[in-house]
Amino acid sequence: MSFGARRLCVLKVSTARAVLFVLVLFACGAAPQRLGAQAGQSQTGSAQPGDLRPTYPGEPFNNPPVEIAAGPVKLRLYGTVLLNMSFSDSDEVGQEVPLWPFPSSTPITLSNGTTKSAGSIHDTIFTARQSILGVLLNPANTPASGWTPSAEVEIDFFGTTPVDTDLPEDRVLNQPRLRKAFFRLRKGNFDLVAGQDNIIISPLDPVSLSHVAVPLGYAAGDLFGWLPQVRVDYGHNFGKTGTLFQFGVLRPSFGDPRLGDEPTSGITLTTSSGNGERAGQPFYQTRFAVSRPMQGSAATIGVGGHYGKEIVAATQNIDSWAVTMDFRVPVLSRLVFRGEAYTGSNLVPFGGGVIQGVAAVTTPAPVPAGAPTLTQIHPIGDTGGWAEFTILASRRNVFYLGASSDDPVHKDLEPGTTRDRNSVFWASYFRKLTNEITLATEWSNWQFHTTSFVGNTPDGRAAGGRGNVVNIAFAYQF
């Protein structure tokens, strides 16, 4: 059995054991309850049942909402004013939101022309760019028709930084960035949702105030994305068991840098079609979840599926698919176990494969006239997931412990797609200073591996990177 096959087998066995453990805990619960359309997300506020509610990082109190009646709707403002201070002992890809450490031997050129290794770089970052602001619109009264409309728009300030050639750069001039913008139409247990929202197959994220622009574990075991979509959610009770079925079609965006599938730089009024858009069909995603009360909270288990494709050559389509599982289990009244797992192929739209979807080998020069420039194109298989314990020590003190890993299939890698594994372990402590203000400290340890090649065949482990990041966050949530 090859090295890659053995590693995949071990991961599958570990995943099966985790699933069995969750199912046993789930079966020990008390009477079930109906699963809402926003299953698995932490929600707060005094909104009416069925209203859209905001989500926050962490476990905030149920503060009175910042809300007014405006004609036929209730207008609610919410958000997080966030300052992050991070300190790392290596050079990190992503910097303000670390994704993985550069291989420790990577040379970093300094201003005087000398070099240091990436593993000896120590960065100190202060940023408020991950602050978010959102607006919710819920009906002030139940419509006579029975159809209840609502809407949500959410932005952050993690957009591009304009270049100023006259005054010093690196000033706080970041542009807003759209995260969510969708409306929901509800009648009974049926929801129609249209707009930009989270992908369906990955409803949970690790809790972190260091990673709000993208979640902690993105490109390291947590599939993630905000995509324009149309979906239906249907919840139903079977006796005392609550269920939720979701199905949607989403924009087929890949953005694979290996294939040049990204918009050109600069300011344009339109974006060019990518390999996914040119495939002529959307992404298809679905999820089924079951919920029941347990330890004074709700336990939820969900399974999901994804399918899409992209055109990478005139006569070649590459599929994208995934099978996912998510769970939230209150093991004890003050101990919650959450996480996700997945297996699939060509998952670059969601950060899978350590942001690698397709391996492509370029024909060595000179290329004969009329010959294709790529001789090998194939998808990269991927498995991964994350798990996190939430320890509710008290109403003002919460601890989080977790791990996440993304493990591309070794044999599918090619020169140019050399990221072999990316893992992160973390521990954090959230302290509520007041009902609105949270102080959070987080330590994360990153383990990044690449592979070497003999010709186009993966040979073994090559340069890797290790890094530690300590983040201190102050957050005002409303």
Protein backbone atom coordinates (compact mmCIF):
# COMPACT_ATOMS: atom_id res chain seq x y z
CA MET A 1 0.00 0.00 0.00
CA SER A 2 1.39 3.41 -0.98
CA PHE A 3 2.16 6.17 1.51
CA GLY A 4 -0.79 8.27 0.27
CA ALA A 5 -3.18 5.30 0.41
CA ARG A 6 -2.12 4.42 3.97
CA ARG A 7 -2.63 8.01 5.10
CA LEU A 8 -6.06 8.17 3.45
CA CYS A 9 -7.04 4.87 5.08
CA VAL A 10 -6.01 6.06 8.54
CA LEU A 11 -7.98 9.29 8.08
CA LYS A 12 -11.09 7.39 6.97
CA VAL A 13 -10.86 5.09 10.02
CA SER A 14 -10.43 8.09 12.33
CA THR A 15 -13.37 9.86 10.73
CA ALA A 16 -15.54 6.74 11.10
CA ARG A 17 -14.69 6.53 14.81
CA ALA A 18 -15.54 10.20 15.28
CA VAL A 19 -18.88 9.73 13.52
CA LEU A 20 -19.67 6.69 15.68
CA PHE A 21 -18.80 8.64 18.85
CA VAL A 22 -21.10 11.50 17.85
CA LEU A 23 -23.96 9.15 16.96
CA VAL A 24 -23.69 7.38 20.34
CA LEU A 25 -23.85 10.69 22.18
CA PHE A 26 -26.72 11.80 19.98
CA ALA A 27 -28.69 8.66 20.73
CA CYS A 28 -28.39 9.31 24.47
CA GLY A 29 -30.24 12.63 24.30
CA ALA A 30 -33.66 13.47 25.63
CA ALA A 31 -36.74 14.47 23.61
CA PRO A 32 -35.92 16.05 20.21
CA GLN A 33 -36.95 19.49 19.01
CA ARG A 34 -37.48 21.12 15.64
CA LEU A 35 -34.31 22.27 13.86
CA GLY A 36 -34.48 25.87 12.65
CA ALA A 37 -33.31 27.14 9.28
CA GLN A 38 -30.17 28.61 10.83
CA ALA A 39 -29.16 25.29 12.40
CA GLY A 40 -25.87 25.16 14.18
CA GLN A 41 -25.28 28.91 14.32
CA SER A 42 -24.99 30.83 17.57
CA GLN A 43 -27.81 33.38 17.68
CA THR A 44 -28.67 36.04 20.21
CA GLY A 45 -31.17 38.76 20.86
CA SER A 46 -34.83 38.96 21.77
CA ALA A 47 -36.23 38.54 18.25
CA GLN A 48 -39.47 36.67 17.71
CA PRO A 49 -39.27 32.98 16.73
CA GLY A 50 -38.72 32.80 12.97
CA ASP A 51 -37.03 36.21 12.71
CA LEU A 52 -33.62 36.46 11.11
CA ARG A 53 -31.04 36.96 13.85
CA PRO A 54 -27.39 38.02 13.75
CA THR A 55 -24.48 35.70 14.43
CA TYR A 56 -21.41 36.66 16.43
CA PRO A 57 -17.99 35.12 17.09
CA GLY A 58 -18.00 33.50 20.51
CA GLU A 59 -20.82 33.18 23.02
CA PRO A 60 -22.21 36.70 23.63
CA PHE A 61 -24.95 37.44 26.12
CA ASN A 62 -28.53 37.91 25.00
CA ASN A 63 -28.27 41.68 24.98
CA PRO A 64 -31.31 43.79 24.06
CA PRO A 65 -31.12 44.36 20.28
CA VAL A 66 -30.30 47.71 18.69
CA GLU A 67 -33.64 47.83 16.92
CA ILE A 68 -36.36 50.27 15.88
CA ALA A 69 -39.70 49.98 14.13
CA ALA A 70 -39.58 51.63 10.69
CA GLY A 71 -42.89 51.41 8.86
CA PRO A 72 -43.75 47.77 8.17
CA VAL A 73 -40.38 46.39 9.37
CA LYS A 74 -38.17 46.11 12.42
CA LEU A 75 -34.74 47.46 11.50
CA ARG A 76 -31.92 45.98 13.54
CA LEU A 77 -28.26 47.01 13.48
CA TYR A 78 -25.61 44.57 14.67
CA GLY A 79 -21.89 44.18 14.43
CA THR A 80 -18.50 43.76 16.04
CA VAL A 81 -16.03 46.61 16.49
CA LEU A 82 -12.81 44.61 16.61
CA LEU A 83 -9.14 45.33 17.31
CA ASN A 84 -6.68 42.48 16.79
CA MET A 85 -3.08 42.46 17.96
CA SER A 86 -1.13 39.42 16.75
CA PHE A 87 2.45 38.29 17.36
CA SER A 88 4.03 35.50 15.31
CA ASP A 89 7.38 33.72 15.41
CA SER A 90 7.44 33.03 11.64
CA ASP A 91 6.35 34.61 8.38
CA GLU A 92 2.72 33.67 7.76
CA VAL A 93 0.80 33.50 4.47
CA GLY A 94 -2.21 35.75 5.06
CA GLN A 95 -0.41 37.75 7.77
CA GLU A 96 -3.45 39.47 9.39
CA VAL A 97 -5.45 36.23 9.09
CA PRO A 98 -2.79 33.48 9.04
CA LEU A 99 -3.44 30.61 6.63
CA TRP A 100 -0.15 28.71 6.87
CA PRO A 101 3.52 29.49 7.60
CA PHE A 102 6.01 29.86 4.79
CA PRO A 103 8.47 26.97 4.68
CA SER A 104 11.08 27.81 7.29
CA SER A 105 13.92 27.85 4.75
CA THR A 106 12.19 30.35 2.42
CA PRO A 107 14.46 33.42 2.08
CA ILE A 108 12.95 36.80 2.99
CA THR A 109 14.78 39.79 1.52
CA LEU A 110 15.26 42.77 3.87
CA SER A 111 15.56 46.44 2.93
CA ASN A 112 19.37 46.39 2.77
CA GLY A 113 19.38 43.40 0.44
CA THR A 114 20.28 40.81 3.05
CA THR A 115 18.03 37.80 3.65
CA LYS A 116 16.60 35.95 6.61
CA SER A 117 14.74 32.66 6.65
CA ALA A 118 10.96 32.81 6.99
CA GLY A 119 11.24 30.76 10.17
CA SER A 120 13.22 33.53 11.88
CA ILE A 121 10.80 36.36 11.03
CA HIS A 122 8.77 37.82 13.94
CA ASP A 123 5.74 39.87 12.86
CA THR A 124 3.66 42.20 15.03
CA ILE A 125 0.31 43.14 13.47
CA PHE A 126 -2.36 45.57 14.71
CA THR A 127 -5.57 45.74 12.67
CA ALA A 128 -9.22 46.77 12.92
CA ARG A 129 -10.05 45.59 9.39
CA GLN A 130 -12.08 42.60 10.58
CA SER A 131 -14.78 44.74 12.18
CA ILE A 132 -18.21 43.93 10.77
CA LEU A 133 -21.52 45.78 10.41
CA GLY A 134 -24.88 44.27 9.55
CA VAL A 135 -28.52 45.22 9.04
CA LEU A 136 -31.52 42.95 9.55
CA LEU A 137 -35.05 43.63 8.32
CA ASN A 138 -37.84 41.59 9.90
CA PRO A 139 -41.59 42.24 9.61
CA ALA A 140 -43.13 44.33 12.38
CA ASN A 141 -46.37 42.32 12.08
CA THR A 142 -47.28 38.93 10.69
CA PRO A 143 -48.49 39.43 7.08
CA ALA A 144 -52.06 38.35 6.38
CA SER A 145 -50.88 36.27 3.42
CA GLY A 146 -48.82 34.02 5.70
CA TRP A 147 -45.65 34.71 3.70
CA THR A 148 -43.09 36.44 5.94
CA PRO A 149 -40.27 38.37 4.21
CA SER A 150 -36.96 39.29 5.86
CA ALA A 151 -33.51 40.35 4.70
CA GLU A 152 -29.90 40.69 5.84
CA VAL A 153 -26.90 42.68 4.60
CA GLU A 154 -23.49 42.31 6.25
CA ILE A 155 -20.14 43.94 5.42
CA ASP A 156 -16.66 44.09 6.86
CA PHE A 157 -13.65 46.29 6.11
CA PHE A 158 -11.27 43.64 4.82
CA GLY A 159 -11.40 44.89 1.24
CA THR A 160 -8.56 46.27 -0.85
CA THR A 161 -6.24 49.07 0.29
CA PRO A 162 -5.96 51.96 -2.21
CA VAL A 163 -2.37 52.84 -3.11
CA ASP A 164 -1.48 56.43 -2.27
CA THR A 165 1.65 57.56 -4.15
CA ASP A 166 1.82 61.00 -2.52
CA LEU A 167 1.60 60.20 1.18
CA PRO A 168 2.89 57.26 3.25
CA GLU A 169 1.11 54.00 2.55
CA ASP A 170 -0.19 51.39 4.98
CA ARG A 171 -2.72 53.84 6.37
CA VAL A 172 -6.20 52.68 7.40
CA LEU A 173 -7.92 53.19 4.04
CA ASN A 174 -9.41 49.74 3.48
CA GLN A 175 -12.57 49.44 1.44
CA PRO A 176 -15.75 47.73 2.67
CA ARG A 177 -16.37 44.16 1.51
CA LEU A 178 -19.72 42.46 1.03
CA ARG A 179 -20.11 39.31 3.13
CA LYS A 180 -23.84 38.60 3.00
CA ALA A 181 -26.79 40.12 1.14
CA PHE A 182 -29.90 37.95 0.91
CA PHE A 183 -33.63 37.92 1.52
CA ARG A 184 -35.78 35.15 2.93
CA LEU A 185 -39.43 34.38 2.29
CA ARG A 186 -40.96 32.06 4.91
CA LYS A 187 -44.29 30.31 5.19
CA GLY A 188 -44.72 27.70 7.89
CA ASN A 189 -41.73 25.37 7.73
CA PHE A 190 -40.71 26.43 4.22
CA ASP A 191 -38.05 29.07 3.42
CA LEU A 192 -36.95 30.49 0.08
CA VAL A 193 -33.57 32.24 0.30
CA ALA A 194 -32.02 34.29 -2.52
CA GLY A 195 -28.81 36.33 -2.44
CA GLN A 196 -25.26 35.94 -1.13
CA ASP A 197 -24.94 33.70 1.92
CA ASN A 198 -22.77 30.95 3.41
CA ILE A 199 -22.30 27.79 1.38
CA ILE A 200 -24.80 25.11 2.37
CA ILE A 201 -22.45 22.19 3.02
CA SER A 202 -20.41 23.89 5.77
CA PRO A 203 -22.71 25.65 8.29
CA LEU A 204 -20.22 25.77 11.19
CA ASP A 205 -16.87 27.48 11.78
CA PRO A 206 -14.40 27.36 14.66
CA VAL A 207 -14.91 30.19 17.15
CA SER A 208 -12.24 32.86 16.79
CA LEU A 209 -11.82 36.62 16.97
CA SER A 210 -8.46 36.41 15.16
CA HIS A 211 -10.16 35.03 12.03
CA VAL A 212 -13.37 36.89 11.17
CA ALA A 213 -12.61 37.91 7.57
CA VAL A 214 -12.18 34.17 6.88
CA PRO A 215 -12.70 31.51 9.54
CA LEU A 216 -9.94 29.87 11.54
CA GLY A 217 -9.07 26.68 9.66
CA TYR A 218 -9.80 28.02 6.17
CA ALA A 219 -7.34 26.19 3.84
CA ALA A 220 -6.59 23.95 6.83
CA GLY A 221 -9.71 21.81 7.20
CA ASP A 222 -12.70 24.18 7.27
CA LEU A 223 -14.55 24.53 3.96
CA PHE A 224 -15.88 28.08 3.62
CA GLY A 225 -17.35 30.56 1.20
CA TRP A 226 -19.97 33.25 0.66
CA LEU A 227 -21.59 32.71 -2.74
CA PRO A 228 -24.65 34.10 -4.54
CA GLN A 229 -27.33 31.41 -4.43
CA VAL A 230 -30.98 30.42 -4.47
CA ARG A 231 -31.97 27.73 -2.00
CA VAL A 232 -34.95 26.19 -0.24
CA ASP A 233 -34.98 25.15 3.41
CA TYR A 234 -37.69 22.86 4.74
CA GLY A 235 -37.96 21.95 8.42
CA HIS A 236 -40.35 19.33 9.78
CA ASN A 237 -41.04 17.47 13.01
CA PHE A 238 -41.41 13.70 12.97
CA GLY A 239 -42.85 13.13 16.40
CA LYS A 240 -40.30 14.87 18.59
CA THR A 241 -37.44 14.71 16.09
CA GLY A 242 -36.59 17.97 14.34
CA THR A 243 -35.26 17.80 10.78
CA LEU A 244 -34.04 20.26 8.18
CA PHE A 245 -33.57 19.70 4.44
CA GLN A 246 -31.74 22.27 2.29
CA PHE A 247 -31.10 22.39 -1.43
CA GLY A 248 -29.65 25.19 -3.50
CA VAL A 249 -27.90 26.28 -6.67
CA LEU A 250 -24.87 28.56 -6.28
CA ARG A 251 -22.56 30.59 -8.49
CA PRO A 252 -19.90 28.22 -9.92
CA SER A 253 -16.76 30.18 -9.01
CA PHE A 254 -13.37 28.47 -8.79
CA GLY A 255 -10.72 31.22 -8.80
CA ASP A 256 -7.88 28.71 -9.13
CA PRO A 257 -4.58 30.65 -9.42
CA ARG A 258 -2.83 27.58 -10.86
CA LEU A 259 -5.05 27.81 -13.97
CA GLY A 260 -5.13 31.59 -14.26
CA ASP A 261 -8.81 31.47 -13.29
CA GLU A 262 -8.89 34.84 -11.53
CA PRO A 263 -10.05 38.34 -12.54
CA THR A 264 -7.32 40.57 -13.97
CA SER A 265 -5.84 43.17 -11.64
CA GLY A 266 -7.02 46.76 -11.73
CA ILE A 267 -10.42 48.42 -11.58
CA THR A 268 -13.06 47.10 -13.98
CA LEU A 269 -16.81 47.48 -14.27
CA THR A 270 -17.27 43.78 -14.94
CA THR A 271 -15.50 40.59 -13.94
CA SER A 272 -14.35 38.11 -16.55
CA SER A 273 -15.95 34.67 -16.68
CA GLY A 274 -13.96 31.97 -14.95
CA ASN A 275 -13.62 28.26 -15.67
CA GLY A 276 -16.65 27.53 -13.49
CA GLU A 277 -18.96 30.09 -15.09
CA ARG A 278 -18.01 28.77 -18.55
CA ALA A 279 -19.11 25.25 -17.57
CA GLY A 280 -22.69 26.37 -18.18
CA GLN A 281 -24.24 25.11 -14.94
CA PRO A 282 -24.25 26.15 -11.27
CA PHE A 283 -22.94 24.44 -8.18
CA TYR A 284 -25.49 22.08 -6.62
CA GLN A 285 -25.47 21.67 -2.84
CA THR A 286 -27.72 19.94 -0.35
CA ARG A 287 -27.78 19.19 3.37
CA PHE A 288 -29.96 17.16 5.71
CA ALA A 289 -29.78 17.65 9.48
CA VAL A 290 -31.43 16.17 12.55
CA SER A 291 -31.66 17.85 15.95
CA ARG A 292 -32.75 16.93 19.47
CA PRO A 293 -32.36 18.48 22.93
CA MET A 294 -29.47 17.35 25.05
CA GLN A 295 -28.00 18.68 28.32
CA GLY A 296 -30.20 21.77 28.23
CA SER A 297 -29.13 22.65 24.67
CA ALA A 298 -29.57 21.15 21.20
CA ALA A 299 -27.55 18.42 19.52
CA THR A 300 -27.36 18.58 15.73
CA ILE A 301 -25.90 16.23 13.13
CA GLY A 302 -25.93 17.10 9.44
CA VAL A 303 -24.70 15.52 6.20
CA GLY A 304 -24.21 17.42 2.96
CA GLY A 305 -23.24 17.04 -0.65
CA HIS A 306 -21.75 19.29 -3.34
CA TYR A 307 -21.31 18.93 -7.11
CA GLY A 308 -20.00 21.30 -9.78
CA LYS A 309 -17.62 21.37 -12.71
CA GLU A 310 -15.24 23.66 -14.55
CA ILE A 311 -13.88 23.81 -18.09
CA VAL A 312 -10.07 23.73 -18.12
CA ALA A 313 -9.52 22.87 -21.78
CA ALA A 314 -11.56 22.99 -24.98
CA THR A 315 -12.60 19.36 -24.59
CA GLN A 316 -12.00 18.68 -20.89
CA ASN A 317 -14.28 19.23 -17.90
CA ILE A 318 -13.13 18.68 -14.32
CA ASP A 319 -15.71 17.73 -11.68
CA SER A 320 -15.86 19.23 -8.19
CA TRP A 321 -17.60 17.17 -5.51
CA ALA A 322 -17.73 16.72 -1.75
CA VAL A 323 -19.51 14.72 0.93
CA THR A 324 -19.59 16.48 4.29
CA MET A 325 -20.66 15.95 7.88
CA ASP A 326 -21.19 18.53 10.63
CA PHE A 327 -22.10 18.10 14.26
CA ARG A 328 -22.73 20.01 17.46
CA VAL A 329 -23.08 17.88 20.59
CA PRO A 330 -23.42 19.24 24.15
CA VAL A 331 -21.51 16.47 25.93
CA LEU A 332 -22.20 18.13 29.28
CA SER A 333 -24.18 21.23 30.19
CA ARG A 334 -20.93 23.25 30.06
CA LEU A 335 -19.02 21.26 27.44
CA VAL A 336 -19.90 21.39 23.73
CA PHE A 337 -18.22 19.36 20.97
CA ARG A 338 -18.47 20.83 17.46
CA GLY A 339 -16.87 20.12 14.13
CA GLU A 340 -17.00 19.12 10.49
CA ALA A 341 -15.43 16.50 8.22
CA TYR A 342 -15.34 16.09 4.45
CA THR A 343 -13.95 14.17 1.53
CA GLY A 344 -14.05 15.23 -2.10
CA SER A 345 -12.15 16.47 -5.11
CA ASN A 346 -11.32 19.85 -6.68
CA LEU A 347 -12.48 21.84 -3.64
CA VAL A 348 -10.49 25.01 -4.32
CA PRO A 349 -13.69 27.18 -4.36
CA PHE A 350 -14.01 26.55 -0.62
CA GLY A 351 -10.32 26.57 0.36
CA GLY A 352 -10.00 22.78 0.12
CA GLY A 353 -6.80 21.04 -0.92
CA VAL A 354 -4.86 23.86 0.80
CA ILE A 355 -6.34 26.06 -1.97
CA GLN A 356 -5.42 23.57 -4.71
CA GLY A 357 -8.10 22.11 -6.97
CA VAL A 358 -6.47 20.91 -10.18
CA ALA A 359 -2.93 19.71 -10.84
CA ALA A 360 -1.53 20.72 -14.21
CA VAL A 361 1.87 19.98 -15.74
CA THR A 362 3.18 22.35 -18.37
CA THR A 363 4.81 20.97 -21.52
CA PRO A 364 8.55 21.77 -21.50
CA ALA A 365 9.64 24.35 -24.06
CA PRO A 366 9.77 24.46 -27.00
CA VAL A 367 6.10 23.63 -27.58
CA PRO A 368 5.34 22.42 -31.13
CA ALA A 369 3.05 24.69 -33.13
CA GLY A 370 -0.59 23.92 -32.40
CA ALA A 371 0.23 21.60 -29.48
CA PRO A 372 -1.47 22.10 -26.08
CA THR A 373 0.65 23.74 -23.40
CA LEU A 374 -0.67 21.43 -20.64
CA THR A 375 -0.08 17.70 -21.03
CA GLN A 376 -1.58 16.53 -17.71
CA ILE A 377 -4.66 17.98 -16.02
CA HIS A 378 -6.44 16.16 -13.22
CA PRO A 379 -8.34 16.99 -10.02
CA ILE A 380 -6.77 16.83 -6.59
CA GLY A 381 -8.60 14.64 -4.09
CA ASP A 382 -8.93 15.97 -0.57
CA THR A 383 -9.99 14.97 2.93
CA GLY A 384 -10.08 17.09 6.06
CA GLY A 385 -12.04 18.48 8.93
CA TRP A 386 -11.90 20.20 12.28
CA ALA A 387 -13.15 19.68 15.82
CA GLU A 388 -13.49 22.04 18.75
CA PHE A 389 -14.43 21.83 22.42
CA THR A 390 -16.25 24.77 23.98
CA ILE A 391 -15.84 24.92 27.76
CA LEU A 392 -18.43 27.22 29.35
CA ALA A 393 -16.66 27.83 32.66
CA SER A 394 -19.10 30.61 33.58
CA ARG A 395 -21.26 33.25 31.92
CA ARG A 396 -18.22 35.49 31.58
CA ASN A 397 -15.45 32.95 30.99
CA VAL A 398 -15.34 30.60 28.00
CA PHE A 399 -12.47 28.42 26.74
CA TYR A 400 -12.00 26.85 23.29
CA LEU A 401 -9.70 23.98 22.29
CA GLY A 402 -9.52 22.74 18.73
CA ALA A 403 -7.63 21.25 15.81
CA SER A 404 -8.09 21.35 12.05
CA SER A 405 -6.32 19.72 9.10
CA ASP A 406 -6.53 19.62 5.30
CA ASP A 407 -4.84 16.65 3.65
CA PRO A 408 -4.73 16.59 -0.20
CA VAL A 409 -4.31 13.15 -1.75
CA HIS A 410 -0.55 12.76 -2.07
CA LYS A 411 -0.50 10.94 -5.42
CA ASP A 412 -2.62 13.64 -7.09
CA LEU A 413 -0.04 16.39 -6.57
CA GLU A 414 2.16 17.69 -9.38
CA PRO A 415 5.03 20.19 -9.61
CA GLY A 416 3.39 23.58 -9.02
CA THR A 417 0.81 22.05 -6.66
CA THR A 418 3.13 20.97 -3.87
CA ARG A 419 1.13 21.71 -0.69
CA ASP A 420 0.88 18.34 1.00
CA ARG A 421 -0.82 19.07 4.33
CA ASN A 422 -1.86 22.06 6.42
CA SER A 423 -2.84 21.76 10.09
CA VAL A 424 -3.57 24.14 12.94
CA PHE A 425 -4.12 23.62 16.67
CA TRP A 426 -5.52 26.34 18.90
CA ALA A 427 -6.55 27.29 22.41
CA SER A 428 -8.37 30.49 23.32
CA TYR A 429 -9.97 32.22 26.27
CA PHE A 430 -12.89 34.67 25.99
CA ARG A 431 -13.55 36.99 28.92
CA LYS A 432 -16.65 39.19 28.99
CA LEU A 433 -15.51 42.48 30.53
CA THR A 434 -19.04 43.90 30.17
CA ASN A 435 -22.16 42.64 28.43
CA GLU A 436 -20.87 44.22 25.22
CA ILE A 437 -17.06 44.08 25.43
CA THR A 438 -15.02 40.88 25.13
CA LEU A 439 -11.30 40.35 25.68
CA ALA A 440 -10.03 37.25 23.88
CA THR A 441 -6.58 35.69 23.82
CA GLU A 442 -5.74 32.95 21.32
CA TRP A 443 -2.69 30.79 20.67
CA SER A 444 -2.46 28.85 17.41
CA ASN A 445 0.22 26.45 16.22
CA TRP A 446 0.54 25.92 12.45
CA GLN A 447 2.11 22.90 10.73
CA PHE A 448 2.57 23.14 6.95
CA HIS A 449 4.13 20.49 4.68
CA THR A 450 5.08 20.38 1.01
CA THR A 451 6.22 17.47 -1.16
CA SER A 452 9.15 16.90 -3.49
CA PHE A 453 9.05 15.22 -6.90
CA VAL A 454 11.02 12.89 -9.11
CA GLY A 455 9.93 14.07 -12.53
CA ASN A 456 6.17 14.53 -12.09
CA THR A 457 5.80 11.85 -9.39
CA PRO A 458 5.50 12.86 -5.70
CA ASP A 459 8.57 11.55 -3.90
CA GLY A 460 8.32 12.55 -0.25
CA ARG A 461 8.18 15.38 2.22
CA ALA A 462 10.03 18.55 1.24
CA ALA A 463 10.37 21.90 2.98
CA GLY A 464 7.78 22.67 5.62
CA GLY A 465 6.92 25.46 7.96
CA ARG A 466 5.97 25.72 11.60
CA GLY A 467 4.70 28.78 13.34
CA ASN A 468 3.05 30.05 16.50
CA VAL A 469 0.70 33.02 16.56
CA VAL A 470 -0.62 34.75 19.67
CA ASN A 471 -3.60 37.04 19.11
CA ILE A 472 -5.15 39.46 21.59
CA ALA A 473 -8.54 40.84 20.60
CA PHE A 474 -10.86 43.50 22.00
CA ALA A 475 -14.40 43.32 20.64
CA TYR A 476 -17.46 45.48 21.18
CA GLN A 477 -20.51 43.51 20.03
CA PHE A 478 -23.96 44.98 19.58
